[in-house]
Protein backbone atom coordinates (compact mmCIF):
# COMPACT_ATOMS: atom_id res chain seq x y z
CA MET A 1 99.99 -87.44 145.38
CA GLN A 2 100.35 -90.88 146.34
CA ALA A 3 101.18 -93.11 143.47
CA SER A 4 98.07 -95.40 144.11
CA ASP A 5 96.00 -92.41 143.98
CA LEU A 6 97.54 -91.55 140.55
CA LEU A 7 96.78 -94.92 139.24
CA VAL A 8 93.17 -94.64 140.20
CA GLU A 9 92.93 -90.86 138.86
CA CYS A 10 94.24 -92.46 135.58
CA LEU A 11 91.29 -94.81 135.63
CA LYS A 12 88.94 -92.12 136.01
CA ILE A 13 90.35 -90.33 133.17
CA GLU A 14 89.71 -93.46 131.03
CA ASP A 15 86.02 -93.46 132.18
CA VAL A 16 86.29 -96.51 134.23
CA GLU A 17 83.15 -97.06 136.39
CA ARG A 18 83.82 -100.36 138.11
CA VAL A 19 86.82 -102.64 138.79
CA PHE A 20 86.18 -106.51 139.25
CA GLY A 21 88.52 -108.36 141.57
CA LEU A 22 89.72 -109.66 144.73
CA PRO A 23 91.44 -107.98 147.61
CA GLY A 24 95.14 -108.77 148.56
CA GLU A 25 97.68 -107.62 151.05
CA GLU A 26 99.84 -106.09 148.38
CA LEU A 27 96.76 -104.05 147.11
CA GLU A 28 96.00 -102.32 150.26
CA ASP A 29 97.00 -98.85 148.94
CA VAL A 30 95.19 -99.45 145.61
CA LEU A 31 92.15 -100.53 147.19
CA PHE A 32 91.98 -97.66 149.62
CA SER A 33 92.58 -95.19 146.89
CA LEU A 34 89.50 -96.74 145.01
CA SER A 35 87.44 -96.41 148.20
CA ASN A 36 88.05 -92.87 147.97
CA SER A 37 86.97 -92.44 144.34
CA SER A 38 83.88 -92.62 142.23
CA ILE A 39 84.85 -96.15 140.88
CA GLU A 40 83.21 -99.05 142.22
CA PHE A 41 85.42 -101.93 143.56
CA ILE A 42 83.24 -105.23 143.05
CA PRO A 43 84.84 -107.96 145.21
CA VAL A 44 84.28 -111.34 143.36
CA ARG A 45 84.55 -114.91 144.73
CA HIS A 46 87.28 -116.11 142.27
CA GLU A 47 89.72 -114.22 140.25
CA GLN A 48 88.88 -115.94 136.94
CA GLY A 49 85.19 -114.67 137.40
CA ALA A 50 86.70 -111.22 137.96
CA ALA A 51 88.54 -111.44 134.58
CA PHE A 52 85.44 -113.07 132.70
CA MET A 53 83.53 -110.04 133.88
CA ALA A 54 86.15 -107.50 132.51
CA ASP A 55 85.90 -109.56 129.27
CA VAL A 56 82.11 -109.67 128.88
CA HIS A 57 82.12 -106.05 129.71
CA GLY A 58 84.93 -105.23 126.87
CA ARG A 59 82.80 -107.17 124.23
CA LEU A 60 79.49 -105.66 125.03
CA THR A 61 80.83 -101.95 125.39
CA GLY A 62 83.82 -101.85 123.38
CA GLU A 63 85.42 -100.02 126.21
CA ALA A 64 88.35 -101.98 128.43
CA GLY A 65 86.92 -103.85 131.26
CA VAL A 66 89.14 -103.96 134.32
CA CYS A 67 89.87 -106.72 136.57
CA LEU A 68 92.37 -106.57 139.85
CA SER A 69 94.27 -109.16 141.67
CA THR A 70 97.04 -109.61 144.24
CA LEU A 71 100.40 -111.22 143.29
CA GLY A 72 100.95 -115.16 142.88
CA PRO A 73 97.90 -117.17 143.12
CA GLY A 74 95.67 -114.41 142.64
CA ALA A 75 97.54 -113.28 139.43
CA THR A 76 97.53 -116.83 137.90
CA ASN A 77 93.86 -117.12 138.79
CA LEU A 78 93.24 -114.27 136.23
CA LEU A 79 94.99 -116.26 133.44
CA THR A 80 92.19 -117.85 131.94
CA GLY A 81 89.62 -114.92 131.70
CA VAL A 82 92.76 -112.68 130.33
CA ALA A 83 93.64 -115.32 127.78
CA ASP A 84 89.67 -115.47 126.90
CA ALA A 85 89.99 -111.98 126.01
CA HIS A 86 93.20 -112.36 124.09
CA LEU A 87 91.65 -114.92 121.80
CA ASP A 88 88.18 -113.45 121.72
CA LYS A 89 89.43 -109.78 120.71
CA SER A 90 87.85 -108.29 123.99
CA PRO A 91 89.54 -104.90 125.33
CA VAL A 92 90.55 -105.77 129.10
CA VAL A 93 92.97 -104.09 131.37
CA ALA A 94 94.28 -106.41 133.98
CA ILE A 95 96.07 -104.89 137.13
CA THR A 96 97.86 -107.19 139.67
CA GLY A 97 99.83 -106.47 142.90
CA GLN A 98 103.32 -107.45 143.50
CA GLY A 99 105.62 -107.29 146.41
CA ASN A 100 108.36 -104.84 147.19
CA LEU A 101 110.84 -104.17 144.38
CA GLU A 102 113.57 -105.40 146.74
CA ARG A 103 112.23 -108.99 146.72
CA MET A 104 112.32 -109.15 143.06
CA HIS A 105 115.86 -110.60 142.69
CA LYS A 106 115.31 -113.40 145.12
CA GLU A 107 113.13 -116.27 145.68
CA SER A 108 110.10 -114.87 148.22
CA HIS A 109 106.53 -115.89 149.35
CA GLN A 110 104.10 -115.85 146.67
CA SER A 111 106.34 -114.19 144.19
CA LEU A 112 106.22 -115.21 140.41
CA ASP A 113 107.42 -113.60 137.32
CA ILE A 114 103.80 -112.47 136.61
CA VAL A 115 105.13 -110.36 133.65
CA SER A 116 106.61 -113.11 131.86
CA ILE A 117 103.72 -115.45 132.60
CA PHE A 118 101.08 -112.85 130.92
CA GLU A 119 103.35 -112.38 127.80
CA PRO A 120 101.72 -114.50 125.55
CA ILE A 121 98.13 -113.80 126.38
CA THR A 122 98.33 -109.82 126.27
CA LYS A 123 99.00 -107.12 123.43
CA TRP A 124 101.16 -105.48 126.14
CA ASN A 125 102.15 -105.87 129.76
CA THR A 126 104.57 -104.09 132.02
CA GLN A 127 105.65 -103.81 135.66
CA ILE A 128 105.73 -100.34 137.12
CA ASP A 129 109.12 -99.78 138.61
CA ASP A 130 108.95 -95.88 138.63
CA PRO A 131 105.89 -94.04 140.05
CA ASP A 132 106.47 -91.42 137.62
CA THR A 133 105.52 -93.76 134.73
CA ILE A 134 102.01 -94.73 135.98
CA ASN A 135 100.18 -92.15 133.90
CA GLU A 136 101.91 -93.31 130.62
CA ALA A 137 101.44 -97.13 131.42
CA VAL A 138 97.72 -96.73 132.18
CA ARG A 139 97.20 -94.83 129.17
CA LYS A 140 99.03 -97.21 127.03
CA ALA A 141 97.36 -100.13 128.53
CA PHE A 142 93.82 -98.72 127.43
CA LYS A 143 94.87 -97.61 124.15
CA LEU A 144 96.38 -100.79 123.09
CA ALA A 145 93.51 -103.11 124.75
CA GLU A 146 90.73 -100.85 122.84
CA PHE A 147 92.37 -100.54 119.58
CA GLU A 148 91.74 -102.73 116.78
CA LYS A 149 92.11 -105.59 116.87
CA PRO A 150 91.43 -105.11 120.59
CA GLY A 151 92.61 -107.67 123.47
CA ALA A 152 94.27 -107.63 126.93
CA THR A 153 96.79 -105.63 128.34
CA HIS A 154 98.14 -106.09 132.00
CA ILE A 155 99.98 -103.86 134.57
CA GLU A 156 101.71 -105.07 137.59
CA ILE A 157 102.29 -102.54 140.39
CA PRO A 158 104.64 -103.54 143.44
CA GLU A 159 103.30 -102.28 146.94
CA ASP A 160 106.23 -100.07 147.45
CA ILE A 161 105.59 -98.24 144.27
CA ALA A 162 101.96 -98.03 145.23
CA ALA A 163 102.73 -96.55 148.42
CA SER A 164 105.20 -93.86 147.29
CA VAL A 165 104.78 -90.28 146.22
CA THR A 166 104.57 -88.78 142.82
CA GLY A 167 104.49 -85.25 141.11
CA THR A 168 103.14 -86.64 137.70
CA GLN A 169 99.42 -86.11 136.45
CA PRO A 170 97.01 -88.35 134.55
CA LEU A 171 97.46 -88.12 130.92
CA GLU A 172 94.10 -87.17 129.04
CA SER A 173 92.46 -90.06 127.10
CA ARG A 174 92.19 -89.46 123.31
CA LYS A 175 89.84 -90.69 120.99
CA ARG A 176 90.77 -94.03 119.11
CA VAL A 177 93.26 -93.78 116.31
CA ARG A 178 91.69 -93.49 112.98
CA ARG A 179 92.51 -95.92 110.45
CA PRO A 180 93.77 -95.21 106.78
CA SER A 181 91.15 -95.29 103.87
CA PRO A 182 90.90 -98.67 101.90
CA ASP A 183 93.44 -98.98 99.23
CA ALA A 184 91.66 -98.07 96.07
CA THR A 185 93.59 -100.72 93.79
CA ALA A 186 92.53 -103.65 96.44
CA VAL A 187 89.05 -102.45 96.46
CA GLU A 188 88.93 -102.42 92.72
CA MET A 189 90.59 -105.89 92.41
CA ALA A 190 88.01 -107.26 95.19
CA GLY A 191 84.95 -105.63 93.28
CA SER A 192 85.92 -107.38 90.23
CA ILE A 193 86.54 -110.87 91.80
CA LEU A 194 83.04 -110.67 93.61
CA SER A 195 81.47 -109.63 90.31
CA ASP A 196 82.80 -112.42 88.63
CA ALA A 197 81.64 -114.76 91.14
CA GLU A 198 78.85 -117.22 90.53
CA LYS A 199 78.19 -118.39 93.90
CA PRO A 200 79.43 -115.69 96.49
CA VAL A 201 79.37 -116.05 100.05
CA ILE A 202 80.06 -113.44 102.85
CA LEU A 203 81.47 -114.84 106.04
CA ALA A 204 80.89 -112.51 108.99
CA GLY A 205 83.37 -112.98 111.73
CA ASN A 206 83.78 -111.37 115.23
CA GLY A 207 85.12 -108.25 113.68
CA ALA A 208 81.80 -107.75 112.13
CA VAL A 209 80.01 -107.48 115.40
CA ARG A 210 82.69 -106.04 117.46
CA THR A 211 83.61 -102.99 115.43
CA ARG A 212 79.90 -101.95 115.22
CA SER A 213 80.10 -102.39 111.47
CA ALA A 214 76.73 -104.26 111.28
CA GLU A 215 74.76 -101.47 109.67
CA GLN A 216 77.13 -101.25 106.87
CA LEU A 217 77.34 -104.84 106.25
CA ARG A 218 73.57 -105.12 106.09
CA SER A 219 73.53 -102.48 103.77
CA PHE A 220 76.05 -104.20 101.43
CA ILE A 221 74.06 -107.49 101.64
CA GLY A 222 71.08 -105.56 100.65
CA GLU A 223 72.73 -104.17 97.46
CA THR A 224 74.61 -107.19 96.36
CA GLU A 225 72.02 -110.06 97.53
CA MET A 226 74.79 -112.25 98.52
CA PRO A 227 74.07 -114.74 101.19
CA VAL A 228 75.78 -114.33 104.72
CA ILE A 229 77.06 -117.26 106.94
CA ALA A 230 78.22 -115.95 110.52
CA THR A 231 81.05 -117.67 112.74
CA TYR A 232 79.84 -118.31 116.14
CA MET A 233 81.11 -114.99 117.43
CA GLY A 234 79.61 -113.14 114.30
CA LYS A 235 76.27 -114.05 115.30
CA GLY A 236 73.84 -111.01 114.95
CA ALA A 237 76.03 -109.03 112.62
CA VAL A 238 73.39 -109.58 110.08
CA SER A 239 69.96 -110.42 111.38
CA ASP A 240 68.74 -114.08 111.07
CA ALA A 241 65.50 -112.69 109.98
CA ASP A 242 67.02 -111.55 106.60
CA ASP A 243 66.23 -113.58 103.71
CA HIS A 244 70.24 -113.37 103.08
CA SER A 245 71.03 -115.13 106.35
CA LEU A 246 72.21 -118.74 106.32
CA MET A 247 73.01 -118.58 110.13
CA THR A 248 76.34 -120.04 111.09
CA LEU A 249 79.00 -122.13 109.72
CA ASP A 250 77.48 -125.44 111.25
CA SER A 251 73.84 -124.42 111.09
CA GLY A 252 71.17 -127.05 109.73
CA SER A 253 71.22 -130.79 111.12
CA ARG A 254 72.55 -132.01 107.85
CA ASN A 255 75.36 -129.47 107.56
CA GLN A 256 73.71 -127.73 104.89
CA THR A 257 75.48 -124.46 105.63
CA LYS A 258 79.01 -125.96 105.50
CA ARG A 259 78.02 -127.57 102.18
CA VAL A 260 77.09 -124.06 101.00
CA ILE A 261 80.30 -122.55 101.74
CA GLU A 262 82.21 -125.38 100.44
CA SER A 263 80.33 -125.00 97.20
CA ALA A 264 80.99 -121.27 96.91
CA ASP A 265 83.31 -120.17 94.49
CA THR A 266 84.38 -116.84 96.35
CA VAL A 267 84.28 -115.90 100.23
CA LEU A 268 84.07 -112.32 101.16
CA ALA A 269 85.53 -112.89 104.71
CA VAL A 270 84.52 -109.74 106.79
CA GLY A 271 86.12 -109.25 110.39
CA TYR A 272 87.08 -113.10 110.34
CA ASP A 273 89.54 -114.53 112.89
CA ILE A 274 91.14 -117.81 112.07
CA ALA A 275 90.93 -118.57 115.99
CA GLU A 276 87.02 -118.85 115.57
CA HIS A 277 86.97 -121.46 113.09
CA ASP A 278 89.33 -123.31 111.17
CA PRO A 279 89.26 -122.52 107.43
CA GLU A 280 90.29 -125.90 106.51
CA ARG A 281 86.65 -126.89 107.55
CA TRP A 282 85.35 -124.73 105.05
CA ASN A 283 87.93 -124.37 102.21
CA PRO A 284 89.31 -128.14 102.48
CA ASP A 285 90.26 -128.28 98.78
CA LEU A 286 91.94 -124.89 98.35
CA ASN A 287 89.79 -123.87 95.43
CA THR A 288 88.14 -120.96 97.12
CA ARG A 289 88.80 -117.26 95.86
CA ILE A 290 88.92 -115.33 99.17
CA VAL A 291 88.90 -111.66 99.72
CA HIS A 292 89.85 -110.41 103.09
CA LEU A 293 88.61 -107.41 104.70
CA ASP A 294 89.52 -106.49 108.15
CA PHE A 295 91.66 -104.04 110.41
CA GLU A 296 94.80 -106.38 109.93
CA PRO A 297 96.30 -108.39 107.31
CA ALA A 298 95.26 -112.27 107.06
CA GLU A 299 97.13 -114.67 109.28
CA VAL A 300 99.16 -117.06 106.85
CA TYR A 301 97.37 -120.40 106.53
CA GLU A 302 97.26 -122.67 103.75
CA HIS A 303 93.65 -123.03 103.70
CA TYR A 304 93.21 -119.24 104.08
CA ASN A 305 95.23 -117.47 101.42
CA PRO A 306 93.44 -114.33 100.44
CA GLU A 307 93.75 -113.41 96.82
CA VAL A 308 93.04 -109.75 97.70
CA GLU A 309 93.28 -108.07 101.44
CA ILE A 310 91.61 -104.77 102.08
CA VAL A 311 93.26 -103.84 105.33
CA CYS A 312 91.22 -100.66 106.83
CA ASP A 313 88.20 -100.02 108.92
CA ILE A 314 85.70 -102.57 107.84
CA SER A 315 83.01 -100.04 107.49
CA ALA A 316 84.96 -97.85 105.37
CA GLY A 317 85.83 -100.93 103.37
CA LEU A 318 82.44 -102.08 102.96
CA ARG A 319 81.11 -98.61 101.88
CA ALA A 320 84.27 -98.53 99.30
CA LEU A 321 83.11 -102.16 97.92
CA SER A 322 79.62 -100.59 97.58
CA SER A 323 80.75 -98.03 95.35
CA GLU A 324 82.12 -100.68 92.67
CA ALA A 325 78.83 -101.49 91.35
CA ILE A 326 79.33 -105.47 92.16
CA ALA A 327 77.12 -107.74 89.97
CA THR A 328 74.07 -108.74 91.91
CA ALA A 329 74.16 -112.33 93.15
CA ASP A 330 71.74 -115.12 92.21
CA THR A 331 69.72 -115.99 95.16
CA ASN A 332 68.14 -119.15 93.76
CA TRP A 333 71.29 -121.27 94.74
CA TYR A 334 70.42 -120.71 98.59
CA ASN A 335 66.96 -119.60 98.86
CA LYS A 336 65.42 -123.42 99.69
CA LEU A 337 68.45 -123.93 102.07
CA ARG A 338 67.59 -120.91 104.07
CA GLU A 339 63.97 -121.93 104.15
CA SER A 340 64.90 -125.38 105.32
CA ILE A 341 67.00 -124.06 108.04
CA ILE A 342 64.76 -121.42 109.48
CA GLU A 343 61.90 -124.16 109.60
CA GLU A 344 64.27 -126.57 111.52
CA VAL A 345 65.33 -124.11 114.11
CA THR A 346 61.80 -122.69 114.76
CA GLN A 347 59.92 -125.78 115.00
CA ARG A 348 58.34 -126.48 118.50
CA PRO A 349 58.73 -129.81 120.01
CA GLU A 350 55.85 -132.15 120.55
CA GLU A 351 54.93 -133.05 124.01
CA ASP A 352 56.41 -136.39 123.95
CA ASP A 353 59.82 -135.22 121.97
CA PRO A 354 63.02 -135.51 124.09
CA VAL A 355 64.18 -132.75 126.39
CA THR A 356 67.23 -131.46 124.45
CA VAL A 357 68.87 -128.28 124.35
CA ARG A 358 68.06 -127.82 120.47
CA ASN A 359 64.26 -128.44 121.04
CA THR A 360 64.46 -125.80 124.14
CA LEU A 361 65.57 -123.01 121.95
CA PRO A 362 62.44 -121.85 120.03
CA TYR A 363 60.83 -121.38 123.34
CA LEU A 364 63.68 -119.46 124.86
CA ARG A 365 63.89 -117.34 121.65
CA ASP A 366 60.06 -116.75 121.69
CA VAL A 367 60.40 -114.91 125.18
CA MET A 368 63.53 -112.92 124.49
CA ASP A 369 63.40 -109.45 122.69
CA ASP A 370 65.61 -108.97 119.93
CA THR A 371 67.87 -106.91 121.96
CA ASP A 372 67.95 -109.02 125.21
CA VAL A 373 71.64 -110.78 125.58
CA LEU A 374 72.12 -114.56 125.95
CA ILE A 375 75.58 -115.38 127.42
CA SER A 376 76.49 -119.08 126.53
CA ASP A 377 78.83 -121.19 128.38
CA VAL A 378 80.92 -123.90 126.50
CA GLY A 379 79.79 -127.17 126.16
CA SER A 380 77.50 -129.05 124.06
CA HIS A 381 74.79 -126.67 124.49
CA LYS A 382 77.02 -123.93 123.00
CA MET A 383 77.16 -125.85 119.73
CA ALA A 384 73.27 -125.94 119.63
CA ILE A 385 72.94 -122.46 120.65
CA ALA A 386 75.50 -121.45 117.78
CA GLN A 387 73.76 -123.39 115.24
CA SER A 388 70.05 -122.94 116.18
CA TYR A 389 69.43 -119.97 117.96
CA PRO A 390 68.32 -117.13 115.89
CA THR A 391 70.15 -113.92 116.48
CA TYR A 392 68.66 -110.41 115.26
CA GLU A 393 71.24 -107.71 116.65
CA PRO A 394 74.96 -107.57 117.14
CA ASN A 395 76.29 -108.58 120.89
CA THR A 396 73.01 -110.30 121.70
CA CYS A 397 74.46 -113.77 121.59
CA LEU A 398 77.91 -113.86 123.05
CA ILE A 399 79.99 -116.98 122.80
CA SER A 400 83.46 -117.69 123.63
CA ASN A 401 84.68 -119.37 120.74
CA GLY A 402 88.49 -117.98 120.31
CA LEU A 403 89.41 -119.74 123.70
CA ALA A 404 86.29 -121.32 124.09
CA SER A 405 86.73 -121.34 127.97
CA MET A 406 84.07 -122.81 130.22
CA GLY A 407 83.03 -121.06 133.23
CA ILE A 408 82.21 -117.70 131.40
CA ALA A 409 78.33 -117.73 131.75
CA VAL A 410 77.47 -116.69 135.26
CA PRO A 411 80.27 -114.11 135.72
CA GLY A 412 79.56 -112.93 132.19
CA ALA A 413 76.00 -112.49 132.84
CA ILE A 414 76.85 -110.14 136.13
CA ALA A 415 78.82 -107.98 133.73
CA ALA A 416 76.26 -107.82 130.92
CA ASP A 417 73.50 -106.88 133.74
CA LEU A 418 75.49 -104.17 134.82
CA ALA A 419 76.61 -102.80 131.39
CA VAL A 420 73.41 -102.83 129.45
CA ASP A 421 69.70 -102.03 130.19
CA GLU A 422 68.29 -105.33 128.64
CA GLN A 423 67.22 -108.73 129.82
CA ILE A 424 70.09 -111.08 130.41
CA VAL A 425 70.20 -114.84 130.16
CA ALA A 426 73.09 -116.88 131.09
CA VAL A 427 72.82 -120.48 129.49
CA THR A 428 75.18 -123.09 130.78
CA GLY A 429 75.68 -126.59 131.38
CA ASP A 430 76.16 -128.43 134.70
CA GLY A 431 79.85 -128.58 134.14
CA GLY A 432 80.48 -124.96 133.42
CA PHE A 433 78.14 -123.80 135.96
CA MET A 434 79.86 -125.29 138.92
CA MET A 435 83.05 -123.93 137.73
CA ASN A 436 82.17 -120.40 138.83
CA SER A 437 78.62 -120.99 140.64
CA ALA A 438 79.97 -118.96 143.44
CA GLU A 439 79.66 -115.90 141.75
CA LEU A 440 75.76 -116.12 142.37
CA GLU A 441 76.89 -114.62 145.75
CA THR A 442 78.16 -111.67 143.96
CA ALA A 443 74.92 -111.37 141.86
CA THR A 444 72.92 -111.47 144.75
CA ARG A 445 74.99 -108.75 146.61
CA LEU A 446 74.86 -106.47 143.66
CA ASP A 447 71.11 -106.85 143.66
CA LEU A 448 71.22 -108.04 140.03
CA GLY A 449 68.56 -109.56 137.94
CA PHE A 450 68.93 -112.34 135.25
CA THR A 451 68.13 -115.77 134.59
CA VAL A 452 70.41 -118.67 134.81
CA ILE A 453 69.57 -121.77 132.66
CA ILE A 454 71.53 -125.03 133.52
CA PHE A 455 70.86 -127.77 130.99
CA ASN A 456 71.89 -130.84 133.19
CA ASP A 457 72.98 -134.13 131.84
CA ASN A 458 75.64 -134.92 134.66
CA ASP A 459 78.23 -135.16 132.17
CA TYR A 460 80.84 -133.21 130.27
CA GLY A 461 78.52 -133.85 127.58
CA LEU A 462 80.52 -132.55 124.55
CA ILE A 463 83.53 -134.48 125.31
CA SER A 464 81.19 -137.66 125.84
CA GLU A 465 79.85 -136.94 122.51
CA LYS A 466 82.94 -136.60 120.74
CA GLN A 467 84.53 -139.93 122.24
CA ARG A 468 81.36 -141.78 121.41
CA ASP A 469 81.90 -140.69 117.62
CA HIS A 470 85.42 -141.72 117.62
CA THR A 471 85.34 -144.97 119.86
CA GLY A 472 81.58 -146.02 120.50
CA GLU A 473 82.16 -145.23 124.36
CA SER A 474 83.04 -142.41 126.65
CA PHE A 475 85.41 -142.30 129.70
CA GLY A 476 86.03 -139.77 132.50
CA THR A 477 83.18 -137.42 131.55
CA ARG A 478 80.45 -138.69 134.15
CA LEU A 479 79.63 -136.22 137.07
CA THR A 480 77.34 -136.06 140.07
CA ASN A 481 75.70 -132.86 140.98
CA PRO A 482 74.12 -131.02 143.87
CA ASP A 483 70.35 -130.25 143.87
CA PHE A 484 70.48 -127.13 141.81
CA VAL A 485 67.43 -126.02 142.96
CA ALA A 486 68.31 -126.22 146.62
CA TYR A 487 71.76 -124.93 145.98
CA ALA A 488 70.21 -121.76 144.38
CA GLU A 489 67.66 -121.24 147.08
CA SER A 490 70.47 -121.17 149.54
CA PHE A 491 71.53 -117.92 147.97
CA GLY A 492 68.27 -116.47 148.14
CA ILE A 493 67.46 -117.15 144.59
CA ASP A 494 64.04 -118.38 142.92
CA ALA A 495 64.66 -121.61 141.52
CA TYR A 496 62.65 -124.07 139.29
CA ARG A 497 63.09 -127.73 137.83
CA PRO A 498 60.53 -127.96 135.05
CA ASP A 499 59.85 -131.50 133.58
CA SER A 500 57.52 -131.17 130.63
CA TRP A 501 57.45 -128.99 127.41
CA THR A 502 54.51 -127.13 129.04
CA GLU A 503 56.16 -126.49 132.26
CA ILE A 504 59.42 -125.48 130.49
CA HIS A 505 57.39 -122.79 128.27
CA ASP A 506 55.60 -121.32 131.17
CA VAL A 507 58.73 -121.12 133.68
CA LEU A 508 60.67 -119.37 130.80
CA GLN A 509 57.75 -117.19 130.15
CA ALA A 510 57.72 -116.18 133.68
CA THR A 511 61.44 -115.92 134.67
CA ILE A 512 63.36 -114.03 131.81
CA PRO A 513 61.02 -111.15 131.55
CA SER A 514 61.12 -110.62 135.45
CA ASP A 515 63.97 -108.25 136.84
CA GLU A 516 64.43 -111.06 139.57
CA LEU A 517 67.52 -113.32 139.78
CA SER A 518 66.37 -116.73 139.01
CA LEU A 519 67.72 -120.13 138.11
CA VAL A 520 66.05 -123.02 135.91
CA GLU A 521 67.45 -126.31 135.62
CA ILE A 522 66.56 -128.27 132.52
CA ARG A 523 67.41 -131.99 133.02
CA ILE A 524 68.05 -133.17 129.25
CA GLU A 525 68.30 -136.40 127.64
C-alpha cells in the first residue's frame, strides 16, 4: 500500500478517532489517506491549539492524543503544546511533515532539523526515512507515549516517504506493559516509618490522578486517617469533601496548608513530580522524612531526598502498604485547619464585596456537578482555582502546572467536550484567552457546547501581582482588550457580561448546564 495509507492504518490500530492539526503541502498524501479512513481530521486555527487539544485528550483519557502539522513553522508552532504534555506527563503523539529526503543535506525552503528541535521535549522522536519502518515507528510512539510516566513522542514523515509504496502491515497494539510488584523490603521500611510518624501527611501528585489510582488512595486514607494535601495537578485524587482533605499545597488565605506540611514529620509522596511544585517550598529545613511511591525513582534534589522509594504501580504500592497495619494517625492536629479552609472556600460574597476570582468560585462550584470538567488557563485565576476550587473526582479540574502554559483553556475545552460526556467549563484570563481565541471558530464548526469564562482585568495580572510584591509597582503588564461580548457574538456565540453578584449567579446557572457554546466575561477588581 501507499506509505501514507500504512501510517493511517497504524493510527486506526491504535484506536485513534481524531487527529487535530493544520494542513500543509508536505502533508498532502497523509491528509488524503486520512480522508479515506474512519479517523476524523479536525482542522484548527493554530498548531499550538492542535497540540493543546491532543494534550488535554491524553490527560482525560489516558490514550495518546494526536496532533499533526507541516514542516518548518507548522512544526515549531506545535512546540509549546508538546512541551506542556512533556512536563505535565500527558500522552501525545505529534506527527510532522517534512520535505523530500533529497533536500535534507542542504539549506532549503522552510527546512529545519525538527527532530533535533523536538529532542528535549519528547520521550522519543524520529524521522521515518524508510517506509517499511512506519509500522514499528508508530507502535513505538504510542507505546512510549502511554507508558508510565507518559509524555510526548514525535514522528517526522518526509513527503517522498509518504508517497512511496510499502509491503509492510500495521503491528497489533498490545496491552500496556505491567509493572513489577512493589519490593517487600521497601514496603516494610515505609510502613515502619509511617507508623512511627506523629504528624504524617500524604502528598497526592499528578500520578495519583493520572494512573487512576484514586480509588486505592482513598481507601488507604480511610484506613490510616492520614490527612492528604494535593498538588495543583493532583486535585480530585481524593475528594475535597473527604474529612481528610486539606485541599492543595497553597490552600488557605493565611498559608495554613503550607504550614501543615512544613510541620509534618513524615510525607508519603504519591505520584509526585517535582515539576509540579518545588519541594523546597514544603521541606525548606530538610528535616522531613519522605517516602516516595511512584512509577519511577525520585528525582535527585536536596529538598526531596526520600528515605525509602517504592517504585511500582501506584495502586499496587498502596495495596501493599495497606497490608502493613500502619498505625492510625491522630486527626486532632489538622481537623480545625480543614474546617477553617472549607469555611473559607465555600463562603458566598456579600453584594457589595469586590468581584474577584476567589469570590466567584463558590457560585461556579454550586452550578457544576461533581463530574463536570473545569479546564483552567494559566494566570492569577489559576492560583485561585488551585487553592480554592473544591474538586471531588479525578480529572475534573485540569491545570497546566508542569510547563504552566497560557493559552490552553479554549483548545483544551474543545478536546474535553469531544472526549467526555460531561459539562465543560474553560476558565481563562483575558491574556490567555486572546492567545488562542481563534479556536472558538473550531468549536462552532464542530457544533460543540461548553462555557468559556473570561476573568478580565486588562492586565497580565499574575505578573503584576508578583512585581508589586517585589517592588511596589508593575511594568509591562497592562493590556487593552476587544469587546469580548461582541467578539463572541461575531462567531455566533451567546455572550454575557454580568455586573453584580446576582447577575453572575444567574448567568452561570443559565449557561453552564446548557449544551450551548457560550462566553461569560467577568470584569474583576
